[in-house]
Amino acid sequence: MTGKKARKRRPPSPRTSGAKKRLDADKADPFRLYEASVQNTEGTIELIDAVFESQRGQRPMTLREDFCGTAKLCADWVRSDPKRKAVGVDIDPPTLAWAQKHNIDPLGPAAKRVRLALSDVRKGTRQRFDTIAAFNFSYWIFRERAVLKAYFEKARQALKENGLFIIDLHGGPDAQYVLEEETDLDGFSYVWDQESFDPINNRVQCAIHFCFPDGSKIERAFTYDWRVWSLPELRDLLLEVGFSRVDAWWDGLDDVVRPCDSAENLISWIAYLCAWR
């Protein structure tokens, strides 16, 4: 094990403006704070394009974002190309309502190219997609192998021929410890809190807190009850459900995500599994 630590535990951090915004716990919108803390949709779209073009020689046009939450990826996907369409799938009505109001409706005419579906991702969709994405480790909510396998099967079925299913994961020793990690952002701090870890079943319980310069806090704004899945477990399961090929793309310390057959174990790392139908 190396003593080096990956620079990003969460998905790539977004750019922030130089001016500090005056926020406090009463005025701040937790969904906006979440987007600013853990999402970089521009970088995510660039990654999807790079992976898809590396194998198919063209950009994907249709996206299904599973566990879409605020559907920011869907919104920025259709912004990135006037021919692109997206579907966001989530089971939480208030979150989807917020997404529609704050991220989809402001698209104007382009909003017609986004559909938000209140549904369990395991039910699948009749529509077929160039790419399906499940980011922010959201699929870790499926802690039983059979349940996760069923989801992967449905995802594969919803892809077009030669389609791409892409998921992210994190690992390294820090993924198995109780810890808190605070990151200063634009006008607030984001705290990733791993509250407990059970090595018998790899169950981890986590929370996100937000702290503000005036001392106010939003405690446990978002909570998670996950299983920490290893990269080999996930790759084997994806192949088992019928994906023809599964590539690992590693997020290196140089901020470059590239395909790798092996990698140096870090205290904390992020990778992407790219499964081809």
C-alpha atoms as a PDB file:
ATOM      1  CA  MET A   1       0.000   0.000   0.000  1.00  0.00           C
ATOM      2  CA  THR A   2       1.281   3.416  -0.907  1.00  0.00           C
ATOM      3  CA  GLY A   3       1.205   6.411   1.364  1.00  0.00           C
ATOM      4  CA  LYS A   4      -0.123   8.651  -1.385  1.00  0.00           C
ATOM      5  CA  LYS A   5      -3.701   9.821  -1.253  1.00  0.00           C
ATOM      6  CA  ALA A   6      -5.922  10.399  -4.253  1.00  0.00           C
ATOM      7  CA  ARG A   7      -6.823  14.048  -4.727  1.00  0.00           C
ATOM      8  CA  LYS A   8     -10.508  13.342  -5.197  1.00  0.00           C
ATOM      9  CA  ARG A   9     -12.608  11.065  -3.041  1.00  0.00           C
ATOM     10  CA  ARG A  10     -15.853  12.300  -4.582  1.00  0.00           C
ATOM     11  CA  PRO A  11     -16.494  12.707  -8.302  1.00  0.00           C
ATOM     12  CA  PRO A  12     -14.429  15.509  -9.923  1.00  0.00           C
ATOM     13  CA  SER A  13     -14.934  18.778  -8.074  1.00  0.00           C
ATOM     14  CA  PRO A  14     -16.562  21.610 -10.032  1.00  0.00           C
ATOM     15  CA  ARG A  15     -15.042  24.978 -10.757  1.00  0.00           C
ATOM     16  CA  THR A  16     -15.933  27.668  -8.254  1.00  0.00           C
ATOM     17  CA  SER A  17     -16.025  31.414  -8.674  1.00  0.00           C
ATOM     18  CA  GLY A  18     -13.565  33.614  -6.873  1.00  0.00           C
ATOM     19  CA  ALA A  19     -16.173  35.589  -4.953  1.00  0.00           C
ATOM     20  CA  LYS A  20     -17.540  34.069  -1.777  1.00  0.00           C
ATOM     21  CA  LYS A  21     -21.305  33.906  -1.608  1.00  0.00           C
ATOM     22  CA  ARG A  22     -23.035  34.728   1.669  1.00  0.00           C
ATOM     23  CA  LEU A  23     -24.817  31.545   2.608  1.00  0.00           C
ATOM     24  CA  ASP A  24     -26.216  30.193   5.826  1.00  0.00           C
ATOM     25  CA  ALA A  25     -28.174  27.129   6.825  1.00  0.00           C
ATOM     26  CA  ASP A  26     -31.532  28.902   6.545  1.00  0.00           C
ATOM     27  CA  LYS A  27     -31.007  30.385   3.066  1.00  0.00           C
ATOM     28  CA  ALA A  28     -29.057  27.624   1.342  1.00  0.00           C
ATOM     29  CA  ASP A  29     -30.712  25.049  -0.905  1.00  0.00           C
ATOM     30  CA  PRO A  30     -29.319  21.581  -0.047  1.00  0.00           C
ATOM     31  CA  PHE A  31     -29.803  20.387  -3.627  1.00  0.00           C
ATOM     32  CA  ARG A  32     -27.730  23.258  -5.014  1.00  0.00           C
ATOM     33  CA  LEU A  33     -25.093  22.622  -2.365  1.00  0.00           C
ATOM     34  CA  TYR A  34     -25.017  18.955  -3.367  1.00  0.00           C
ATOM     35  CA  GLU A  35     -24.537  19.832  -7.030  1.00  0.00           C
ATOM     36  CA  ALA A  36     -21.701  22.200  -6.177  1.00  0.00           C
ATOM     37  CA  SER A  37     -20.059  19.660  -3.878  1.00  0.00           C
ATOM     38  CA  VAL A  38     -20.055  16.372  -5.755  1.00  0.00           C
ATOM     39  CA  GLN A  39     -20.986  16.978  -9.369  1.00  0.00           C
ATOM     40  CA  ASN A  40     -19.029  18.158 -12.378  1.00  0.00           C
ATOM     41  CA  THR A  41     -21.437  17.384 -15.181  1.00  0.00           C
ATOM     42  CA  GLU A  42     -19.258  19.036 -17.813  1.00  0.00           C
ATOM     43  CA  GLY A  43     -16.407  16.701 -16.941  1.00  0.00           C
ATOM     44  CA  THR A  44     -18.774  13.738 -16.750  1.00  0.00           C
ATOM     45  CA  ILE A  45     -20.089  14.383 -20.258  1.00  0.00           C
ATOM     46  CA  GLU A  46     -16.543  14.752 -21.561  1.00  0.00           C
ATOM     47  CA  LEU A  47     -15.706  11.379 -20.025  1.00  0.00           C
ATOM     48  CA  ILE A  48     -18.756   9.644 -21.509  1.00  0.00           C
ATOM     49  CA  ASP A  49     -17.916  11.100 -24.913  1.00  0.00           C
ATOM     50  CA  ALA A  50     -14.272  10.026 -24.662  1.00  0.00           C
ATOM     51  CA  VAL A  51     -15.154   6.468 -23.644  1.00  0.00           C
ATOM     52  CA  PHE A  52     -17.833   6.080 -26.308  1.00  0.00           C
ATOM     53  CA  GLU A  53     -15.745   7.595 -29.100  1.00  0.00           C
ATOM     54  CA  SER A  54     -12.767   5.420 -28.162  1.00  0.00           C
ATOM     55  CA  GLN A  55     -14.762   2.325 -29.146  1.00  0.00           C
ATOM     56  CA  ARG A  56     -17.522   3.520 -31.475  1.00  0.00           C
ATOM     57  CA  GLY A  57     -15.905   6.444 -33.290  1.00  0.00           C
ATOM     58  CA  GLN A  58     -18.846   8.763 -32.623  1.00  0.00           C
ATOM     59  CA  ARG A  59     -20.547  10.615 -29.791  1.00  0.00           C
ATOM     60  CA  PRO A  60     -23.583   9.127 -28.039  1.00  0.00           C
ATOM     61  CA  MET A  61     -26.829  11.027 -28.540  1.00  0.00           C
ATOM     62  CA  THR A  62     -29.225   9.442 -26.014  1.00  0.00           C
ATOM     63  CA  LEU A  63     -28.633   9.152 -22.271  1.00  0.00           C
ATOM     64  CA  ARG A  64     -30.527   7.544 -19.427  1.00  0.00           C
ATOM     65  CA  GLU A  65     -29.389   8.880 -16.065  1.00  0.00           C
ATOM     66  CA  ASP A  66     -30.309   6.377 -13.352  1.00  0.00           C
ATOM     67  CA  PHE A  67     -30.774   7.623  -9.763  1.00  0.00           C
ATOM     68  CA  CYS A  68     -30.863  11.036 -11.454  1.00  0.00           C
ATOM     69  CA  GLY A  69     -31.717  13.111  -8.365  1.00  0.00           C
ATOM     70  CA  THR A  70     -31.673  16.746  -9.473  1.00  0.00           C
ATOM     71  CA  ALA A  71     -31.139  15.635 -13.112  1.00  0.00           C
ATOM     72  CA  LYS A  72     -28.342  18.124 -13.626  1.00  0.00           C
ATOM     73  CA  LEU A  73     -26.546  15.657 -15.870  1.00  0.00           C
ATOM     74  CA  CYS A  74     -29.656  15.296 -18.029  1.00  0.00           C
ATOM     75  CA  ALA A  75     -29.971  19.068 -18.342  1.00  0.00           C
ATOM     76  CA  ASP A  76     -26.346  19.613 -19.268  1.00  0.00           C
ATOM     77  CA  TRP A  77     -26.434  16.632 -21.629  1.00  0.00           C
ATOM     78  CA  VAL A  78     -29.076  18.251 -23.838  1.00  0.00           C
ATOM     79  CA  ARG A  79     -27.309  21.605 -23.540  1.00  0.00           C
ATOM     80  CA  SER A  80     -24.147  20.021 -24.940  1.00  0.00           C
ATOM     81  CA  ASP A  81     -25.714  19.193 -28.327  1.00  0.00           C
ATOM     82  CA  PRO A  82     -29.014  20.244 -29.937  1.00  0.00           C
ATOM     83  CA  LYS A  83     -29.583  16.671 -31.111  1.00  0.00           C
ATOM     84  CA  ARG A  84     -29.172  15.039 -27.721  1.00  0.00           C
ATOM     85  CA  LYS A  85     -31.994  13.607 -25.637  1.00  0.00           C
ATOM     86  CA  ALA A  86     -32.060  12.369 -22.035  1.00  0.00           C
ATOM     87  CA  VAL A  87     -34.244  10.473 -19.594  1.00  0.00           C
ATOM     88  CA  GLY A  88     -33.742  10.761 -15.844  1.00  0.00           C
ATOM     89  CA  VAL A  89     -35.021   7.994 -13.573  1.00  0.00           C
ATOM     90  CA  ASP A  90     -35.538   8.327  -9.818  1.00  0.00           C
ATOM     91  CA  ILE A  91     -37.998   7.107  -7.178  1.00  0.00           C
ATOM     92  CA  ASP A  92     -38.288  10.269  -5.068  1.00  0.00           C
ATOM     93  CA  PRO A  93     -41.162  12.575  -6.131  1.00  0.00           C
ATOM     94  CA  PRO A  94     -40.010  15.749  -4.292  1.00  0.00           C
ATOM     95  CA  THR A  95     -36.524  15.482  -5.751  1.00  0.00           C
ATOM     96  CA  LEU A  96     -37.858  15.011  -9.278  1.00  0.00           C
ATOM     97  CA  ALA A  97     -40.220  17.943  -8.803  1.00  0.00           C
ATOM     98  CA  TRP A  98     -37.265  20.102  -7.752  1.00  0.00           C
ATOM     99  CA  ALA A  99     -35.279  18.853 -10.756  1.00  0.00           C
ATOM    100  CA  GLN A 100     -38.075  19.724 -13.163  1.00  0.00           C
ATOM    101  CA  LYS A 101     -38.502  23.232 -11.764  1.00  0.00           C
ATOM    102  CA  HIS A 102     -34.859  24.180 -11.271  1.00  0.00           C
ATOM    103  CA  ASN A 103     -32.915  22.265 -13.927  1.00  0.00           C
ATOM    104  CA  ILE A 104     -35.271  21.156 -16.709  1.00  0.00           C
ATOM    105  CA  ASP A 105     -37.815  23.958 -17.133  1.00  0.00           C
ATOM    106  CA  PRO A 106     -35.054  26.626 -17.341  1.00  0.00           C
ATOM    107  CA  LEU A 107     -33.770  24.860 -20.472  1.00  0.00           C
ATOM    108  CA  GLY A 108     -36.550  26.499 -22.452  1.00  0.00           C
ATOM    109  CA  PRO A 109     -37.285  24.716 -25.750  1.00  0.00           C
ATOM    110  CA  ALA A 110     -34.546  22.170 -25.005  1.00  0.00           C
ATOM    111  CA  ALA A 111     -36.630  20.922 -22.058  1.00  0.00           C
ATOM    112  CA  LYS A 112     -38.683  18.957 -24.578  1.00  0.00           C
ATOM    113  CA  ARG A 113     -35.655  16.721 -25.067  1.00  0.00           C
ATOM    114  CA  VAL A 114     -35.599  15.660 -21.396  1.00  0.00           C
ATOM    115  CA  ARG A 115     -38.061  13.364 -19.687  1.00  0.00           C
ATOM    116  CA  LEU A 116     -38.047  12.654 -15.965  1.00  0.00           C
ATOM    117  CA  ALA A 117     -39.476   9.264 -14.971  1.00  0.00           C
ATOM    118  CA  LEU A 118     -40.719   8.482 -11.485  1.00  0.00           C
ATOM    119  CA  SER A 119     -39.734   4.825 -11.415  1.00  0.00           C
ATOM    120  CA  ASP A 120     -37.499   2.164  -9.889  1.00  0.00           C
ATOM    121  CA  VAL A 121     -34.420   1.734 -12.095  1.00  0.00           C
ATOM    122  CA  ARG A 122     -34.864  -2.047 -11.814  1.00  0.00           C
ATOM    123  CA  LYS A 123     -38.090  -1.862 -13.823  1.00  0.00           C
ATOM    124  CA  GLY A 124     -36.231  -0.846 -16.936  1.00  0.00           C
ATOM    125  CA  THR A 125     -37.585   1.169 -19.854  1.00  0.00           C
ATOM    126  CA  ARG A 126     -38.906   0.303 -23.295  1.00  0.00           C
ATOM    127  CA  GLN A 127     -36.764   2.964 -24.862  1.00  0.00           C
ATOM    128  CA  ARG A 128     -33.227   2.001 -25.881  1.00  0.00           C
ATOM    129  CA  PHE A 129     -30.259   4.274 -25.214  1.00  0.00           C
ATOM    130  CA  ASP A 130     -26.753   4.851 -26.488  1.00  0.00           C
ATOM    131  CA  THR A 131     -25.559   5.144 -22.916  1.00  0.00           C
ATOM    132  CA  ILE A 132     -26.894   4.577 -19.405  1.00  0.00           C
ATOM    133  CA  ALA A 133     -25.095   6.095 -16.425  1.00  0.00           C
ATOM    134  CA  ALA A 134     -25.312   5.506 -12.676  1.00  0.00           C
ATOM    135  CA  PHE A 135     -22.989   7.931 -10.893  1.00  0.00           C
ATOM    136  CA  ASN A 136     -22.165   9.070  -7.368  1.00  0.00           C
ATOM    137  CA  PHE A 137     -22.086   5.397  -6.305  1.00  0.00           C
ATOM    138  CA  SER A 138     -25.875   5.475  -6.229  1.00  0.00           C
ATOM    139  CA  TYR A 139     -26.289   1.818  -7.194  1.00  0.00           C
ATOM    140  CA  TRP A 140     -24.471   0.859  -3.964  1.00  0.00           C
ATOM    141  CA  ILE A 141     -27.908   1.090  -2.369  1.00  0.00           C
ATOM    142  CA  PHE A 142     -28.341  -2.473  -3.699  1.00  0.00           C
ATOM    143  CA  ARG A 143     -26.492  -4.391  -1.016  1.00  0.00           C
ATOM    144  CA  GLU A 144     -27.452  -7.919  -2.106  1.00  0.00           C
ATOM    145  CA  ARG A 145     -25.731  -9.501  -5.094  1.00  0.00           C
ATOM    146  CA  ALA A 146     -28.950 -10.843  -6.616  1.00  0.00           C
ATOM    147  CA  VAL A 147     -30.584  -7.413  -6.449  1.00  0.00           C
ATOM    148  CA  LEU A 148     -27.623  -5.662  -8.041  1.00  0.00           C
ATOM    149  CA  LYS A 149     -27.453  -8.355 -10.708  1.00  0.00           C
ATOM    150  CA  ALA A 150     -31.121  -7.779 -11.575  1.00  0.00           C
ATOM    151  CA  TYR A 151     -30.450  -4.060 -11.983  1.00  0.00           C
ATOM    152  CA  PHE A 152     -27.448  -4.674 -14.240  1.00  0.00           C
ATOM    153  CA  GLU A 153     -29.547  -7.036 -16.364  1.00  0.00           C
ATOM    154  CA  LYS A 154     -32.241  -4.389 -16.839  1.00  0.00           C
ATOM    155  CA  ALA A 155     -29.641  -1.770 -17.702  1.00  0.00           C
ATOM    156  CA  ARG A 156     -28.147  -4.013 -20.370  1.00  0.00           C
ATOM    157  CA  GLN A 157     -31.566  -4.696 -21.863  1.00  0.00           C
ATOM    158  CA  ALA A 158     -32.231  -0.949 -22.166  1.00  0.00           C
ATOM    159  CA  LEU A 159     -29.115  -0.296 -24.229  1.00  0.00           C
ATOM    160  CA  LYS A 160     -28.946  -0.176 -27.983  1.00  0.00           C
ATOM    161  CA  GLU A 161     -26.613  -2.618 -29.686  1.00  0.00           C
ATOM    162  CA  ASN A 162     -23.039  -1.525 -28.940  1.00  0.00           C
ATOM    163  CA  GLY A 163     -24.401   0.722 -26.157  1.00  0.00           C
ATOM    164  CA  LEU A 164     -22.432   1.774 -23.074  1.00  0.00           C
ATOM    165  CA  PHE A 165     -23.324   1.326 -19.397  1.00  0.00           C
ATOM    166  CA  ILE A 166     -21.031   3.395 -17.176  1.00  0.00           C
ATOM    167  CA  ILE A 167     -20.810   3.427 -13.380  1.00  0.00           C
ATOM    168  CA  ASP A 168     -18.379   4.962 -10.923  1.00  0.00           C
ATOM    169  CA  LEU A 169     -16.951   3.505  -7.731  1.00  0.00           C
ATOM    170  CA  HIS A 170     -14.432   4.389  -5.098  1.00  0.00           C
ATOM    171  CA  GLY A 171     -12.127   2.296  -2.974  1.00  0.00           C
ATOM    172  CA  GLY A 172      -8.846   2.088  -1.128  1.00  0.00           C
ATOM    173  CA  PRO A 173      -8.355   1.649   2.621  1.00  0.00           C
ATOM    174  CA  ASP A 174     -10.173   4.890   3.469  1.00  0.00           C
ATOM    175  CA  ALA A 175     -13.385   3.416   2.036  1.00  0.00           C
ATOM    176  CA  GLN A 176     -13.451   1.024   5.006  1.00  0.00           C
ATOM    177  CA  TYR A 177     -12.889   3.413   7.891  1.00  0.00           C
ATOM    178  CA  VAL A 178     -14.999   5.729   9.994  1.00  0.00           C
ATOM    179  CA  LEU A 179     -13.830   9.195   8.990  1.00  0.00           C
ATOM    180  CA  GLU A 180     -14.835  12.768   8.226  1.00  0.00           C
ATOM    181  CA  GLU A 181     -13.445  14.759   5.325  1.00  0.00           C
ATOM    182  CA  GLU A 182     -14.164  18.476   4.979  1.00  0.00           C
ATOM    183  CA  THR A 183     -13.743  20.441   1.757  1.00  0.00           C
ATOM    184  CA  ASP A 184     -13.960  24.237   1.540  1.00  0.00           C
ATOM    185  CA  LEU A 185     -16.012  25.386  -1.432  1.00  0.00           C
ATOM    186  CA  ASP A 186     -17.554  28.649  -2.588  1.00  0.00           C
ATOM    187  CA  GLY A 187     -19.116  30.128   0.550  1.00  0.00           C
ATOM    188  CA  PHE A 188     -19.572  26.872   2.453  1.00  0.00           C
ATOM    189  CA  SER A 189     -17.864  23.662   3.482  1.00  0.00           C
ATOM    190  CA  TYR A 190     -18.870  20.180   2.394  1.00  0.00           C
ATOM    191  CA  VAL A 191     -18.339  17.384   4.919  1.00  0.00           C
ATOM    192  CA  TRP A 192     -18.279  13.743   3.860  1.00  0.00           C
ATOM    193  CA  ASP A 193     -18.922  11.659   6.974  1.00  0.00           C
ATOM    194  CA  GLN A 194     -18.440   7.885   6.943  1.00  0.00           C
ATOM    195  CA  GLU A 195     -20.286   7.131  10.157  1.00  0.00           C
ATOM    196  CA  SER A 196     -19.834   3.362  10.316  1.00  0.00           C
ATOM    197  CA  PHE A 197     -18.399   0.420   8.388  1.00  0.00           C
ATOM    198  CA  ASP A 198     -19.166  -3.284   8.926  1.00  0.00           C
ATOM    199  CA  PRO A 199     -16.430  -5.571   7.508  1.00  0.00           C
ATOM    200  CA  ILE A 200     -18.699  -8.639   7.679  1.00  0.00           C
ATOM    201  CA  ASN A 201     -20.953  -7.341   4.898  1.00  0.00           C
ATOM    202  CA  ASN A 202     -19.091  -4.208   3.671  1.00  0.00           C
ATOM    203  CA  ARG A 203     -22.037  -2.083   4.745  1.00  0.00           C
ATOM    204  CA  VAL A 204     -21.174   1.584   5.127  1.00  0.00           C
ATOM    205  CA  GLN A 205     -23.407   4.343   6.457  1.00  0.00           C
ATOM    206  CA  CYS A 206     -22.541   7.867   5.396  1.00  0.00           C
ATOM    207  CA  ALA A 207     -23.854  11.409   5.578  1.00  0.00           C
ATOM    208  CA  ILE A 208     -23.213  14.771   3.980  1.00  0.00           C
ATOM    209  CA  HIS A 209     -23.168  17.892   6.159  1.00  0.00           C
ATOM    210  CA  PHE A 210     -22.840  21.517   5.067  1.00  0.00           C
ATOM    211  CA  CYS A 211     -21.172  24.193   7.197  1.00  0.00           C
ATOM    212  CA  PHE A 212     -21.260  27.970   6.717  1.00  0.00           C
ATOM    213  CA  PRO A 213     -19.026  30.885   7.699  1.00  0.00           C
ATOM    214  CA  ASP A 214     -21.552  32.176  10.252  1.00  0.00           C
ATOM    215  CA  GLY A 215     -21.278  28.890  12.150  1.00  0.00           C
ATOM    216  CA  SER A 216     -24.614  27.497  11.021  1.00  0.00           C
ATOM    217  CA  LYS A 217     -24.839  23.945   9.687  1.00  0.00           C
ATOM    218  CA  ILE A 218     -27.108  21.606   7.800  1.00  0.00           C
ATOM    219  CA  GLU A 219     -26.471  18.322   9.546  1.00  0.00           C
ATOM    220  CA  ARG A 220     -27.106  15.079   7.638  1.00  0.00           C
ATOM    221  CA  ALA A 221     -28.493  16.862   4.607  1.00  0.00           C
ATOM    222  CA  PHE A 222     -28.164  13.573   2.737  1.00  0.00           C
ATOM    223  CA  THR A 223     -27.660  10.099   4.152  1.00  0.00           C
ATOM    224  CA  TYR A 224     -26.588   6.815   2.579  1.00  0.00           C
ATOM    225  CA  ASP A 225     -26.779   3.163   3.551  1.00  0.00           C
ATOM    226  CA  TRP A 226     -24.567   1.325   1.076  1.00  0.00           C
ATOM    227  CA  ARG A 227     -22.497  -1.741   0.421  1.00  0.00           C
ATOM    228  CA  VAL A 228     -18.928  -1.029  -0.658  1.00  0.00           C
ATOM    229  CA  TRP A 229     -18.555  -3.078  -3.829  1.00  0.00           C
ATOM    230  CA  SER A 230     -15.077  -3.905  -5.110  1.00  0.00           C
ATOM    231  CA  LEU A 231     -14.060  -3.360  -8.705  1.00  0.00           C
ATOM    232  CA  PRO A 232     -13.506  -7.089  -9.450  1.00  0.00           C
ATOM    233  CA  GLU A 233     -16.908  -7.976  -7.956  1.00  0.00           C
ATOM    234  CA  LEU A 234     -18.648  -5.445 -10.149  1.00  0.00           C
ATOM    235  CA  ARG A 235     -16.736  -6.320 -13.299  1.00  0.00           C
ATOM    236  CA  ASP A 236     -17.458 -10.034 -12.864  1.00  0.00           C
ATOM    237  CA  LEU A 237     -21.141  -9.352 -12.278  1.00  0.00           C
ATOM    238  CA  LEU A 238     -21.417  -7.159 -15.363  1.00  0.00           C
ATOM    239  CA  LEU A 239     -19.851  -9.877 -17.495  1.00  0.00           C
ATOM    240  CA  GLU A 240     -22.112 -12.458 -15.891  1.00  0.00           C
ATOM    241  CA  VAL A 241     -25.270 -10.650 -17.015  1.00  0.00           C
ATOM    242  CA  GLY A 242     -24.056 -10.614 -20.596  1.00  0.00           C
ATOM    243  CA  PHE A 243     -22.023  -7.479 -21.248  1.00  0.00           C
ATOM    244  CA  SER A 244     -19.496  -8.313 -23.949  1.00  0.00           C
ATOM    245  CA  ARG A 245     -16.652  -6.314 -22.439  1.00  0.00           C
ATOM    246  CA  VAL A 246     -15.982  -4.298 -19.281  1.00  0.00           C
ATOM    247  CA  ASP A 247     -13.179  -1.731 -19.198  1.00  0.00           C
ATOM    248  CA  ALA A 248     -11.802  -0.010 -16.117  1.00  0.00           C
ATOM    249  CA  TRP A 249     -11.017   3.683 -16.461  1.00  0.00           C
ATOM    250  CA  TRP A 250      -8.855   4.977 -13.612  1.00  0.00           C
ATOM    251  CA  ASP A 251      -8.938   8.530 -12.236  1.00  0.00           C
ATOM    252  CA  GLY A 252      -5.251   9.245 -11.703  1.00  0.00           C
ATOM    253  CA  LEU A 253      -3.461  11.692  -9.460  1.00  0.00           C
ATOM    254  CA  ASP A 254      -2.791  13.790 -12.563  1.00  0.00           C
ATOM    255  CA  ASP A 255      -6.565  14.348 -12.956  1.00  0.00           C
ATOM    256  CA  VAL A 256      -6.606  12.287 -16.154  1.00  0.00           C
ATOM    257  CA  VAL A 257      -9.095   9.419 -16.469  1.00  0.00           C
ATOM    258  CA  ARG A 258      -7.666   6.676 -18.675  1.00  0.00           C
ATOM    259  CA  PRO A 259      -8.274   2.961 -19.348  1.00  0.00           C
ATOM    260  CA  CYS A 260      -6.075   0.725 -17.195  1.00  0.00           C
ATOM    261  CA  ASP A 261      -5.489  -3.000 -16.798  1.00  0.00           C
ATOM    262  CA  SER A 262      -3.792  -2.471 -13.432  1.00  0.00           C
ATOM    263  CA  ALA A 263      -3.278   0.415 -11.026  1.00  0.00           C
ATOM    264  CA  GLU A 264      -1.453   1.400  -7.874  1.00  0.00           C
ATOM    265  CA  ASN A 265      -3.599   1.077  -4.764  1.00  0.00           C
ATOM    266  CA  LEU A 266      -4.085   4.439  -3.111  1.00  0.00           C
ATOM    267  CA  ILE A 267      -5.515   5.353   0.251  1.00  0.00           C
ATOM    268  CA  SER A 268      -8.527   6.647  -1.667  1.00  0.00           C
ATOM    269  CA  TRP A 269      -9.289   6.277  -5.361  1.00  0.00           C
ATOM    270  CA  ILE A 270     -12.068   6.676  -7.934  1.00  0.00           C
ATOM    271  CA  ALA A 271     -12.603   4.559 -11.032  1.00  0.00           C
ATOM    272  CA  TYR A 272     -15.242   3.980 -13.709  1.00  0.00           C
ATOM    273  CA  LEU A 273     -16.435   0.696 -15.142  1.00  0.00           C
ATOM    274  CA  CYS A 274     -17.494   0.914 -18.778  1.00  0.00           C
ATOM    275  CA  ALA A 275     -19.596  -2.072 -19.844  1.00  0.00           C
ATOM    276  CA  TRP A 276     -20.399  -2.638 -23.514  1.00  0.00           C
ATOM    277  CA  ARG A 277     -23.485  -4.442 -24.724  1.00  0.00           C
END
